[in-house]
Amino acid sequence: MYEGQFPHKRYKHTYQFLERHISKSEIILDLGVANPFTGIMTKNGYKVENTSGEDLDLDTSTIENSNASVVTAFEIFEHLLSPLTVLKSIKADKLVASIPMRLWFSPAYRSKTDKWDRHYHEFEDWQFDWLLEKAGWKIIDREKWTNPTKKIGIRPILRWFTPRYYIVYAERMK
């Protein structure tokens, strides 16, 4: 059904998870600028708006002023200094969020060429759950998956067995 539609394994997992929980009749605010996964969502019938590249640590006005019923945040919270502030500013009642998990055998990601492409946080699943709960979200469903590579070495072998991505569907606690 999805063959050839996804350039990355994580996109396939993310889309299947989203499809299980979010109706195509709902409006989604996707945190972050439009990206290849935004295109996949819209191509498959989702109505998606994106934030504009503003620093969400300092400016949550787009989130606060959105009328979307769902917020998606795919691999963005690890880049923020204060994800709690962003999570608390969300007005929507539904959240689908994914993170790359902290890997004990690899240091935190930091791009050598892009000053914004770095991870301030690398969460374990329990830490991300705690953050969401503290921000007023109840996790309804969760999933993890590995991200193996075809490279040779100890780390590539470990990536076959160690979950790399974690995704949750959560609803606002009343």
N, C-alpha and C. Protein backbone atom coordinates (compact mmCIF):
# COMPACT_ATOMS: atom_id res chain seq x y z
N MET A 1 0.82 -1.20 0.00
CA MET A 1 0.00 0.00 0.00
C MET A 1 0.86 1.27 0.00
N TYR A 2 1.99 1.24 0.72
CA TYR A 2 2.82 2.43 0.84
C TYR A 2 4.13 2.32 0.05
N GLU A 3 4.28 1.27 -0.71
CA GLU A 3 5.54 0.99 -1.39
C GLU A 3 6.01 2.17 -2.24
N GLY A 4 7.26 2.59 -2.04
CA GLY A 4 7.86 3.65 -2.84
C GLY A 4 7.39 5.05 -2.48
N GLN A 5 6.51 5.19 -1.52
CA GLN A 5 5.93 6.49 -1.18
C GLN A 5 6.79 7.26 -0.18
N PHE A 6 7.66 6.57 0.54
CA PHE A 6 8.40 7.20 1.63
C PHE A 6 9.90 7.12 1.38
N PRO A 7 10.59 8.28 1.38
CA PRO A 7 12.04 8.27 1.16
C PRO A 7 12.82 7.74 2.35
N HIS A 8 12.21 7.71 3.55
CA HIS A 8 12.88 7.24 4.76
C HIS A 8 11.97 6.31 5.53
N LYS A 9 12.56 5.31 6.18
CA LYS A 9 11.80 4.35 6.98
C LYS A 9 10.97 5.07 8.05
N ARG A 10 11.55 6.10 8.67
CA ARG A 10 10.83 6.80 9.74
C ARG A 10 9.58 7.48 9.21
N TYR A 11 9.58 7.92 7.96
CA TYR A 11 8.39 8.54 7.38
C TYR A 11 7.25 7.52 7.28
N LYS A 12 7.58 6.31 6.89
CA LYS A 12 6.55 5.27 6.78
C LYS A 12 5.94 4.97 8.15
N HIS A 13 6.77 4.77 9.15
CA HIS A 13 6.28 4.51 10.51
C HIS A 13 5.46 5.69 11.02
N THR A 14 5.97 6.89 10.81
CA THR A 14 5.28 8.09 11.29
C THR A 14 3.92 8.23 10.62
N TYR A 15 3.87 8.04 9.31
CA TYR A 15 2.60 8.18 8.59
C TYR A 15 1.59 7.12 9.04
N GLN A 16 2.02 5.90 9.18
CA GLN A 16 1.10 4.84 9.61
C GLN A 16 0.55 5.12 11.01
N PHE A 17 1.37 5.64 11.90
CA PHE A 17 0.94 5.99 13.24
C PHE A 17 -0.06 7.14 13.19
N LEU A 18 0.25 8.18 12.41
CA LEU A 18 -0.64 9.32 12.24
C LEU A 18 -1.99 8.88 11.70
N GLU A 19 -1.96 8.04 10.69
CA GLU A 19 -3.19 7.56 10.05
C GLU A 19 -4.08 6.78 11.03
N ARG A 20 -3.47 6.08 11.97
CA ARG A 20 -4.25 5.32 12.98
C ARG A 20 -5.02 6.23 13.93
N HIS A 21 -4.50 7.45 14.14
CA HIS A 21 -5.06 8.28 15.20
C HIS A 21 -5.74 9.57 14.74
N ILE A 22 -5.40 10.06 13.57
CA ILE A 22 -5.90 11.37 13.16
C ILE A 22 -6.70 11.27 11.88
N SER A 23 -7.91 11.82 11.92
CA SER A 23 -8.81 11.85 10.77
C SER A 23 -8.33 12.89 9.76
N LYS A 24 -8.54 12.62 8.50
CA LYS A 24 -8.15 13.57 7.45
C LYS A 24 -9.08 14.78 7.40
N SER A 25 -10.14 14.76 8.16
CA SER A 25 -11.04 15.91 8.22
C SER A 25 -10.55 16.98 9.21
N GLU A 26 -9.55 16.63 10.02
CA GLU A 26 -9.05 17.57 11.02
C GLU A 26 -7.95 18.45 10.43
N ILE A 27 -7.82 19.65 10.98
CA ILE A 27 -6.75 20.56 10.56
C ILE A 27 -5.56 20.35 11.49
N ILE A 28 -4.38 20.22 10.89
CA ILE A 28 -3.14 19.96 11.62
C ILE A 28 -2.25 21.20 11.59
N LEU A 29 -1.72 21.57 12.75
CA LEU A 29 -0.63 22.53 12.81
C LEU A 29 0.63 21.71 13.04
N ASP A 30 1.52 21.72 12.05
CA ASP A 30 2.77 20.98 12.12
C ASP A 30 3.86 21.94 12.57
N LEU A 31 4.46 21.66 13.73
CA LEU A 31 5.52 22.54 14.24
C LEU A 31 6.76 22.38 13.38
N GLY A 32 7.29 23.49 12.92
CA GLY A 32 8.44 23.51 12.02
C GLY A 32 8.00 23.96 10.64
N VAL A 33 8.96 24.31 9.84
CA VAL A 33 8.66 24.76 8.48
C VAL A 33 8.22 23.57 7.62
N ALA A 34 7.55 23.88 6.51
CA ALA A 34 7.15 22.84 5.57
C ALA A 34 8.39 22.03 5.19
N ASN A 35 8.21 20.71 5.09
CA ASN A 35 9.33 19.81 4.86
C ASN A 35 8.83 18.61 4.04
N PRO A 36 9.68 17.67 3.69
CA PRO A 36 9.21 16.53 2.88
C PRO A 36 8.05 15.76 3.52
N PHE A 37 8.02 15.65 4.85
CA PHE A 37 6.92 14.91 5.47
C PHE A 37 5.62 15.70 5.39
N THR A 38 5.69 17.05 5.42
CA THR A 38 4.50 17.87 5.21
C THR A 38 3.89 17.52 3.86
N GLY A 39 4.75 17.38 2.85
CA GLY A 39 4.28 17.01 1.52
C GLY A 39 3.60 15.66 1.49
N ILE A 40 4.13 14.70 2.23
CA ILE A 40 3.52 13.38 2.30
C ILE A 40 2.13 13.47 2.93
N MET A 41 2.02 14.25 4.00
CA MET A 41 0.71 14.39 4.66
C MET A 41 -0.31 15.04 3.72
N THR A 42 0.06 16.13 3.06
CA THR A 42 -0.89 16.82 2.18
C THR A 42 -1.23 15.97 0.96
N LYS A 43 -0.24 15.29 0.41
CA LYS A 43 -0.48 14.41 -0.74
C LYS A 43 -1.49 13.31 -0.40
N ASN A 44 -1.53 12.91 0.87
CA ASN A 44 -2.44 11.86 1.30
C ASN A 44 -3.73 12.39 1.91
N GLY A 45 -4.02 13.68 1.71
CA GLY A 45 -5.32 14.21 2.08
C GLY A 45 -5.43 14.93 3.41
N TYR A 46 -4.32 15.10 4.14
CA TYR A 46 -4.37 15.85 5.39
C TYR A 46 -4.30 17.35 5.10
N LYS A 47 -5.00 18.14 5.91
CA LYS A 47 -4.96 19.60 5.82
C LYS A 47 -3.91 20.06 6.83
N VAL A 48 -2.80 20.61 6.33
CA VAL A 48 -1.66 20.92 7.18
C VAL A 48 -1.24 22.39 7.04
N GLU A 49 -1.05 23.02 8.18
CA GLU A 49 -0.44 24.35 8.27
C GLU A 49 0.88 24.16 9.01
N ASN A 50 1.88 24.97 8.69
CA ASN A 50 3.17 24.89 9.39
C ASN A 50 3.48 26.19 10.09
N THR A 51 4.33 26.11 11.11
CA THR A 51 4.88 27.33 11.66
C THR A 51 5.87 27.88 10.63
N SER A 52 6.34 29.10 10.83
CA SER A 52 7.09 29.79 9.78
C SER A 52 8.60 29.84 9.96
N GLY A 53 9.12 29.08 10.89
CA GLY A 53 10.56 29.11 11.11
C GLY A 53 10.95 30.02 12.26
N GLU A 54 9.95 30.58 12.95
CA GLU A 54 10.26 31.41 14.11
C GLU A 54 10.89 30.55 15.21
N ASP A 55 11.64 31.17 16.08
CA ASP A 55 12.26 30.46 17.20
C ASP A 55 11.17 30.17 18.23
N LEU A 56 10.71 28.94 18.28
CA LEU A 56 9.58 28.58 19.15
C LEU A 56 9.93 28.65 20.63
N ASP A 57 11.20 28.69 20.96
CA ASP A 57 11.58 28.92 22.36
C ASP A 57 11.20 30.33 22.80
N LEU A 58 11.21 31.27 21.85
CA LEU A 58 10.98 32.68 22.17
C LEU A 58 9.62 33.18 21.70
N ASP A 59 9.03 32.55 20.69
CA ASP A 59 7.79 33.04 20.09
C ASP A 59 6.83 31.89 19.83
N THR A 60 5.82 31.76 20.68
CA THR A 60 4.82 30.69 20.51
C THR A 60 3.50 31.25 19.96
N SER A 61 3.50 32.49 19.44
CA SER A 61 2.26 33.13 19.01
C SER A 61 1.54 32.35 17.91
N THR A 62 2.27 31.77 16.97
CA THR A 62 1.62 30.99 15.91
C THR A 62 0.87 29.80 16.51
N ILE A 63 1.47 29.15 17.47
CA ILE A 63 0.84 28.01 18.14
C ILE A 63 -0.40 28.47 18.92
N GLU A 64 -0.24 29.55 19.66
CA GLU A 64 -1.33 30.06 20.49
C GLU A 64 -2.51 30.56 19.66
N ASN A 65 -2.24 31.07 18.46
CA ASN A 65 -3.30 31.64 17.62
C ASN A 65 -3.88 30.64 16.62
N SER A 66 -3.40 29.44 16.62
CA SER A 66 -3.88 28.43 15.66
C SER A 66 -5.24 27.88 16.09
N ASN A 67 -6.07 27.61 15.09
CA ASN A 67 -7.37 26.96 15.33
C ASN A 67 -7.32 25.48 14.98
N ALA A 68 -6.15 24.94 14.74
CA ALA A 68 -6.01 23.52 14.39
C ALA A 68 -6.49 22.66 15.56
N SER A 69 -7.07 21.51 15.23
CA SER A 69 -7.52 20.59 16.28
C SER A 69 -6.44 19.59 16.66
N VAL A 70 -5.37 19.53 15.83
CA VAL A 70 -4.26 18.61 16.06
C VAL A 70 -2.95 19.36 15.87
N VAL A 71 -1.98 19.07 16.73
CA VAL A 71 -0.62 19.57 16.52
C VAL A 71 0.27 18.37 16.31
N THR A 72 1.11 18.45 15.28
CA THR A 72 2.13 17.43 15.08
C THR A 72 3.49 18.08 15.31
N ALA A 73 4.39 17.27 15.85
CA ALA A 73 5.74 17.74 16.14
C ALA A 73 6.68 16.57 15.88
N PHE A 74 7.21 16.50 14.68
CA PHE A 74 8.05 15.37 14.30
C PHE A 74 9.51 15.79 14.36
N GLU A 75 10.21 15.22 15.31
CA GLU A 75 11.63 15.50 15.54
C GLU A 75 11.90 17.00 15.64
N ILE A 76 11.21 17.65 16.56
CA ILE A 76 11.46 19.07 16.80
C ILE A 76 11.79 19.38 18.26
N PHE A 77 11.19 18.65 19.20
CA PHE A 77 11.38 18.98 20.62
C PHE A 77 12.82 18.84 21.07
N GLU A 78 13.60 17.99 20.45
CA GLU A 78 15.00 17.83 20.84
C GLU A 78 15.84 19.07 20.49
N HIS A 79 15.32 19.92 19.58
CA HIS A 79 16.03 21.13 19.17
C HIS A 79 15.72 22.33 20.06
N LEU A 80 14.68 22.21 20.88
CA LEU A 80 14.24 23.34 21.70
C LEU A 80 14.92 23.35 23.07
N LEU A 81 15.20 24.54 23.56
CA LEU A 81 15.73 24.65 24.92
C LEU A 81 14.62 24.44 25.93
N SER A 82 13.40 24.86 25.58
CA SER A 82 12.28 24.79 26.51
C SER A 82 11.04 24.16 25.87
N PRO A 83 11.07 22.85 25.63
CA PRO A 83 9.89 22.22 25.04
C PRO A 83 8.65 22.30 25.92
N LEU A 84 8.82 22.41 27.23
CA LEU A 84 7.67 22.52 28.13
C LEU A 84 6.83 23.75 27.78
N THR A 85 7.47 24.88 27.52
CA THR A 85 6.77 26.11 27.16
C THR A 85 5.95 25.91 25.89
N VAL A 86 6.52 25.27 24.90
CA VAL A 86 5.82 25.02 23.64
C VAL A 86 4.64 24.08 23.87
N LEU A 87 4.85 23.01 24.59
CA LEU A 87 3.78 22.04 24.85
C LEU A 87 2.62 22.67 25.61
N LYS A 88 2.91 23.55 26.53
CA LYS A 88 1.86 24.21 27.31
C LYS A 88 1.11 25.25 26.48
N SER A 89 1.72 25.78 25.44
CA SER A 89 1.08 26.81 24.60
C SER A 89 0.10 26.24 23.57
N ILE A 90 0.12 24.94 23.38
CA ILE A 90 -0.75 24.30 22.38
C ILE A 90 -2.20 24.36 22.84
N LYS A 91 -3.08 24.84 21.96
CA LYS A 91 -4.51 24.94 22.26
C LYS A 91 -5.27 23.70 21.77
N ALA A 92 -4.74 23.01 20.80
CA ALA A 92 -5.40 21.81 20.24
C ALA A 92 -5.52 20.75 21.34
N ASP A 93 -6.47 19.85 21.15
CA ASP A 93 -6.68 18.76 22.12
C ASP A 93 -5.93 17.49 21.78
N LYS A 94 -5.32 17.44 20.59
CA LYS A 94 -4.62 16.22 20.16
C LYS A 94 -3.20 16.58 19.74
N LEU A 95 -2.27 15.66 20.05
CA LEU A 95 -0.86 15.85 19.73
C LEU A 95 -0.27 14.54 19.24
N VAL A 96 0.42 14.60 18.11
CA VAL A 96 1.23 13.47 17.65
C VAL A 96 2.65 14.01 17.56
N ALA A 97 3.54 13.40 18.34
CA ALA A 97 4.91 13.91 18.42
C ALA A 97 5.90 12.75 18.39
N SER A 98 7.00 12.96 17.69
CA SER A 98 8.06 11.95 17.66
C SER A 98 9.39 12.61 17.99
N ILE A 99 10.27 11.78 18.50
CA ILE A 99 11.62 12.23 18.86
C ILE A 99 12.62 11.15 18.46
N PRO A 100 13.86 11.56 18.14
CA PRO A 100 14.91 10.56 18.06
C PRO A 100 15.33 10.26 19.51
N MET A 101 15.46 9.01 19.83
CA MET A 101 15.79 8.64 21.21
C MET A 101 17.28 8.78 21.48
N ARG A 102 17.59 9.03 22.73
CA ARG A 102 18.98 9.10 23.17
C ARG A 102 19.61 7.72 22.99
N LEU A 103 20.77 7.70 22.36
CA LEU A 103 21.49 6.44 22.16
C LEU A 103 22.70 6.43 23.07
N TRP A 104 22.79 5.44 23.90
CA TRP A 104 23.88 5.36 24.88
C TRP A 104 25.25 5.22 24.22
N PHE A 105 25.28 4.78 22.98
CA PHE A 105 26.55 4.54 22.30
C PHE A 105 26.91 5.65 21.32
N SER A 106 26.19 6.77 21.36
CA SER A 106 26.43 7.84 20.41
C SER A 106 26.23 9.19 21.09
N PRO A 107 27.09 10.17 20.82
CA PRO A 107 26.91 11.49 21.44
C PRO A 107 25.71 12.23 20.85
N ALA A 108 25.26 13.28 21.52
CA ALA A 108 24.17 14.11 21.03
C ALA A 108 24.53 14.67 19.65
N TYR A 109 23.54 14.75 18.79
CA TYR A 109 23.76 15.22 17.41
C TYR A 109 24.03 16.72 17.39
N ARG A 110 25.03 17.10 16.62
CA ARG A 110 25.36 18.52 16.44
C ARG A 110 25.95 18.71 15.05
N SER A 111 25.22 19.41 14.18
CA SER A 111 25.68 19.67 12.83
C SER A 111 26.93 20.56 12.86
N LYS A 112 27.85 20.27 12.00
CA LYS A 112 29.07 21.08 11.90
C LYS A 112 28.86 22.28 10.97
N THR A 113 27.77 22.25 10.18
CA THR A 113 27.56 23.31 9.19
C THR A 113 26.33 24.17 9.44
N ASP A 114 25.41 23.72 10.30
CA ASP A 114 24.16 24.45 10.53
C ASP A 114 24.01 24.73 12.03
N LYS A 115 24.03 26.01 12.40
CA LYS A 115 23.99 26.35 13.83
C LYS A 115 22.66 26.00 14.49
N TRP A 116 21.60 25.77 13.73
CA TRP A 116 20.30 25.43 14.31
C TRP A 116 20.07 23.93 14.36
N ASP A 117 20.78 23.19 13.54
CA ASP A 117 20.55 21.74 13.45
C ASP A 117 21.40 21.01 14.48
N ARG A 118 20.92 21.05 15.72
CA ARG A 118 21.60 20.37 16.82
C ARG A 118 20.57 19.99 17.86
N HIS A 119 20.90 19.01 18.64
CA HIS A 119 19.99 18.52 19.66
C HIS A 119 20.40 19.03 21.03
N TYR A 120 19.53 19.82 21.63
CA TYR A 120 19.75 20.27 23.00
C TYR A 120 19.34 19.16 23.97
N HIS A 121 18.26 18.48 23.63
CA HIS A 121 17.76 17.35 24.43
C HIS A 121 17.82 16.09 23.58
N GLU A 122 18.23 15.01 24.15
CA GLU A 122 18.01 13.70 23.56
C GLU A 122 17.36 12.87 24.65
N PHE A 123 16.10 12.55 24.44
CA PHE A 123 15.27 11.94 25.47
C PHE A 123 15.33 10.42 25.46
N GLU A 124 15.16 9.85 26.63
CA GLU A 124 14.74 8.46 26.73
C GLU A 124 13.22 8.51 26.75
N ASP A 125 12.57 7.39 26.46
CA ASP A 125 11.11 7.40 26.37
C ASP A 125 10.45 7.90 27.65
N TRP A 126 10.93 7.47 28.81
CA TRP A 126 10.30 7.88 30.07
C TRP A 126 10.44 9.38 30.31
N GLN A 127 11.54 9.99 29.85
CA GLN A 127 11.73 11.42 30.01
C GLN A 127 10.74 12.20 29.15
N PHE A 128 10.54 11.73 27.93
CA PHE A 128 9.58 12.41 27.04
C PHE A 128 8.16 12.26 27.58
N ASP A 129 7.83 11.06 28.08
CA ASP A 129 6.51 10.84 28.69
C ASP A 129 6.30 11.82 29.85
N TRP A 130 7.30 11.95 30.69
CA TRP A 130 7.22 12.82 31.86
C TRP A 130 7.00 14.28 31.44
N LEU A 131 7.75 14.71 30.43
CA LEU A 131 7.60 16.07 29.89
C LEU A 131 6.16 16.30 29.42
N LEU A 132 5.63 15.36 28.64
CA LEU A 132 4.26 15.51 28.13
C LEU A 132 3.25 15.56 29.27
N GLU A 133 3.39 14.67 30.23
CA GLU A 133 2.46 14.64 31.36
C GLU A 133 2.53 15.93 32.17
N LYS A 134 3.73 16.44 32.39
CA LYS A 134 3.90 17.69 33.14
C LYS A 134 3.27 18.87 32.40
N ALA A 135 3.23 18.80 31.06
CA ALA A 135 2.65 19.86 30.24
C ALA A 135 1.14 19.70 30.08
N GLY A 136 0.56 18.65 30.67
CA GLY A 136 -0.89 18.50 30.63
C GLY A 136 -1.42 17.56 29.56
N TRP A 137 -0.59 16.64 29.10
CA TRP A 137 -0.99 15.69 28.06
C TRP A 137 -1.07 14.28 28.62
N LYS A 138 -2.05 13.52 28.16
CA LYS A 138 -2.20 12.11 28.52
C LYS A 138 -1.85 11.28 27.29
N ILE A 139 -0.87 10.41 27.42
CA ILE A 139 -0.45 9.57 26.30
C ILE A 139 -1.45 8.44 26.12
N ILE A 140 -1.97 8.33 24.90
CA ILE A 140 -2.96 7.32 24.56
C ILE A 140 -2.30 6.12 23.87
N ASP A 141 -1.30 6.41 23.03
CA ASP A 141 -0.61 5.35 22.31
C ASP A 141 0.84 5.76 22.10
N ARG A 142 1.72 4.77 21.99
CA ARG A 142 3.14 5.03 21.78
C ARG A 142 3.75 3.88 20.99
N GLU A 143 4.85 4.18 20.33
CA GLU A 143 5.53 3.17 19.53
C GLU A 143 7.00 3.57 19.39
N LYS A 144 7.87 2.55 19.29
CA LYS A 144 9.31 2.76 19.05
C LYS A 144 9.71 1.93 17.85
N TRP A 145 10.77 2.37 17.16
CA TRP A 145 11.33 1.55 16.09
C TRP A 145 12.81 1.81 15.93
N THR A 146 13.47 0.83 15.34
CA THR A 146 14.91 0.93 15.09
C THR A 146 15.16 1.64 13.76
N ASN A 147 16.40 1.98 13.51
CA ASN A 147 16.76 2.59 12.23
C ASN A 147 18.11 2.04 11.78
N PRO A 148 18.10 0.76 11.35
CA PRO A 148 19.38 0.15 10.96
C PRO A 148 19.97 0.77 9.69
N THR A 149 21.28 0.69 9.60
CA THR A 149 21.99 1.14 8.40
C THR A 149 22.72 -0.05 7.80
N LYS A 150 23.21 0.11 6.60
CA LYS A 150 23.95 -0.96 5.94
C LYS A 150 25.47 -0.77 6.08
N LYS A 151 25.87 0.08 7.03
CA LYS A 151 27.29 0.31 7.27
C LYS A 151 27.86 -0.83 8.12
N ILE A 152 29.19 -0.89 8.17
CA ILE A 152 29.87 -1.91 8.96
C ILE A 152 30.45 -1.27 10.21
N GLY A 153 30.35 -1.96 11.33
CA GLY A 153 30.91 -1.45 12.57
C GLY A 153 30.03 -1.80 13.75
N ILE A 154 30.52 -1.47 14.94
CA ILE A 154 29.78 -1.77 16.17
C ILE A 154 28.50 -0.94 16.25
N ARG A 155 28.60 0.39 16.04
CA ARG A 155 27.41 1.23 16.11
C ARG A 155 26.34 0.82 15.10
N PRO A 156 26.70 0.58 13.84
CA PRO A 156 25.66 0.12 12.90
C PRO A 156 24.99 -1.19 13.33
N ILE A 157 25.74 -2.09 13.93
CA ILE A 157 25.13 -3.33 14.43
C ILE A 157 24.17 -3.02 15.56
N LEU A 158 24.57 -2.14 16.47
CA LEU A 158 23.70 -1.77 17.60
C LEU A 158 22.41 -1.11 17.11
N ARG A 159 22.46 -0.37 16.00
CA ARG A 159 21.26 0.29 15.46
C ARG A 159 20.21 -0.71 14.97
N TRP A 160 20.59 -1.95 14.73
CA TRP A 160 19.63 -2.98 14.33
C TRP A 160 18.75 -3.40 15.51
N PHE A 161 19.25 -3.20 16.73
CA PHE A 161 18.56 -3.69 17.92
C PHE A 161 18.08 -2.61 18.88
N THR A 162 18.64 -1.42 18.76
CA THR A 162 18.33 -0.34 19.70
C THR A 162 17.31 0.61 19.08
N PRO A 163 16.15 0.78 19.71
CA PRO A 163 15.17 1.72 19.16
C PRO A 163 15.76 3.12 19.01
N ARG A 164 15.51 3.74 17.86
CA ARG A 164 16.02 5.08 17.57
C ARG A 164 14.93 6.14 17.64
N TYR A 165 13.70 5.79 17.25
CA TYR A 165 12.62 6.76 17.20
C TYR A 165 11.49 6.35 18.13
N TYR A 166 10.84 7.36 18.69
CA TYR A 166 9.73 7.17 19.63
C TYR A 166 8.63 8.14 19.22
N ILE A 167 7.41 7.64 19.09
CA ILE A 167 6.28 8.48 18.70
C ILE A 167 5.14 8.26 19.66
N VAL A 168 4.39 9.32 19.94
CA VAL A 168 3.25 9.23 20.85
C VAL A 168 2.05 9.93 20.24
N TYR A 169 0.88 9.44 20.61
CA TYR A 169 -0.37 10.15 20.39
C TYR A 169 -0.88 10.50 21.78
N ALA A 170 -1.13 11.79 22.01
CA ALA A 170 -1.57 12.24 23.32
C ALA A 170 -2.77 13.18 23.17
N GLU A 171 -3.56 13.22 24.22
CA GLU A 171 -4.70 14.13 24.26
C GLU A 171 -4.57 15.02 25.49
N ARG A 172 -5.06 16.22 25.34
CA ARG A 172 -5.02 17.21 26.42
C ARG A 172 -5.81 16.68 27.62
N MET A 173 -5.22 16.73 28.80
CA MET A 173 -5.93 16.31 30.02
C MET A 173 -6.95 17.40 30.37
N LYS A 174 -8.12 16.97 30.72
CA LYS A 174 -9.19 17.94 31.07
C LYS A 174 -9.09 18.33 32.50
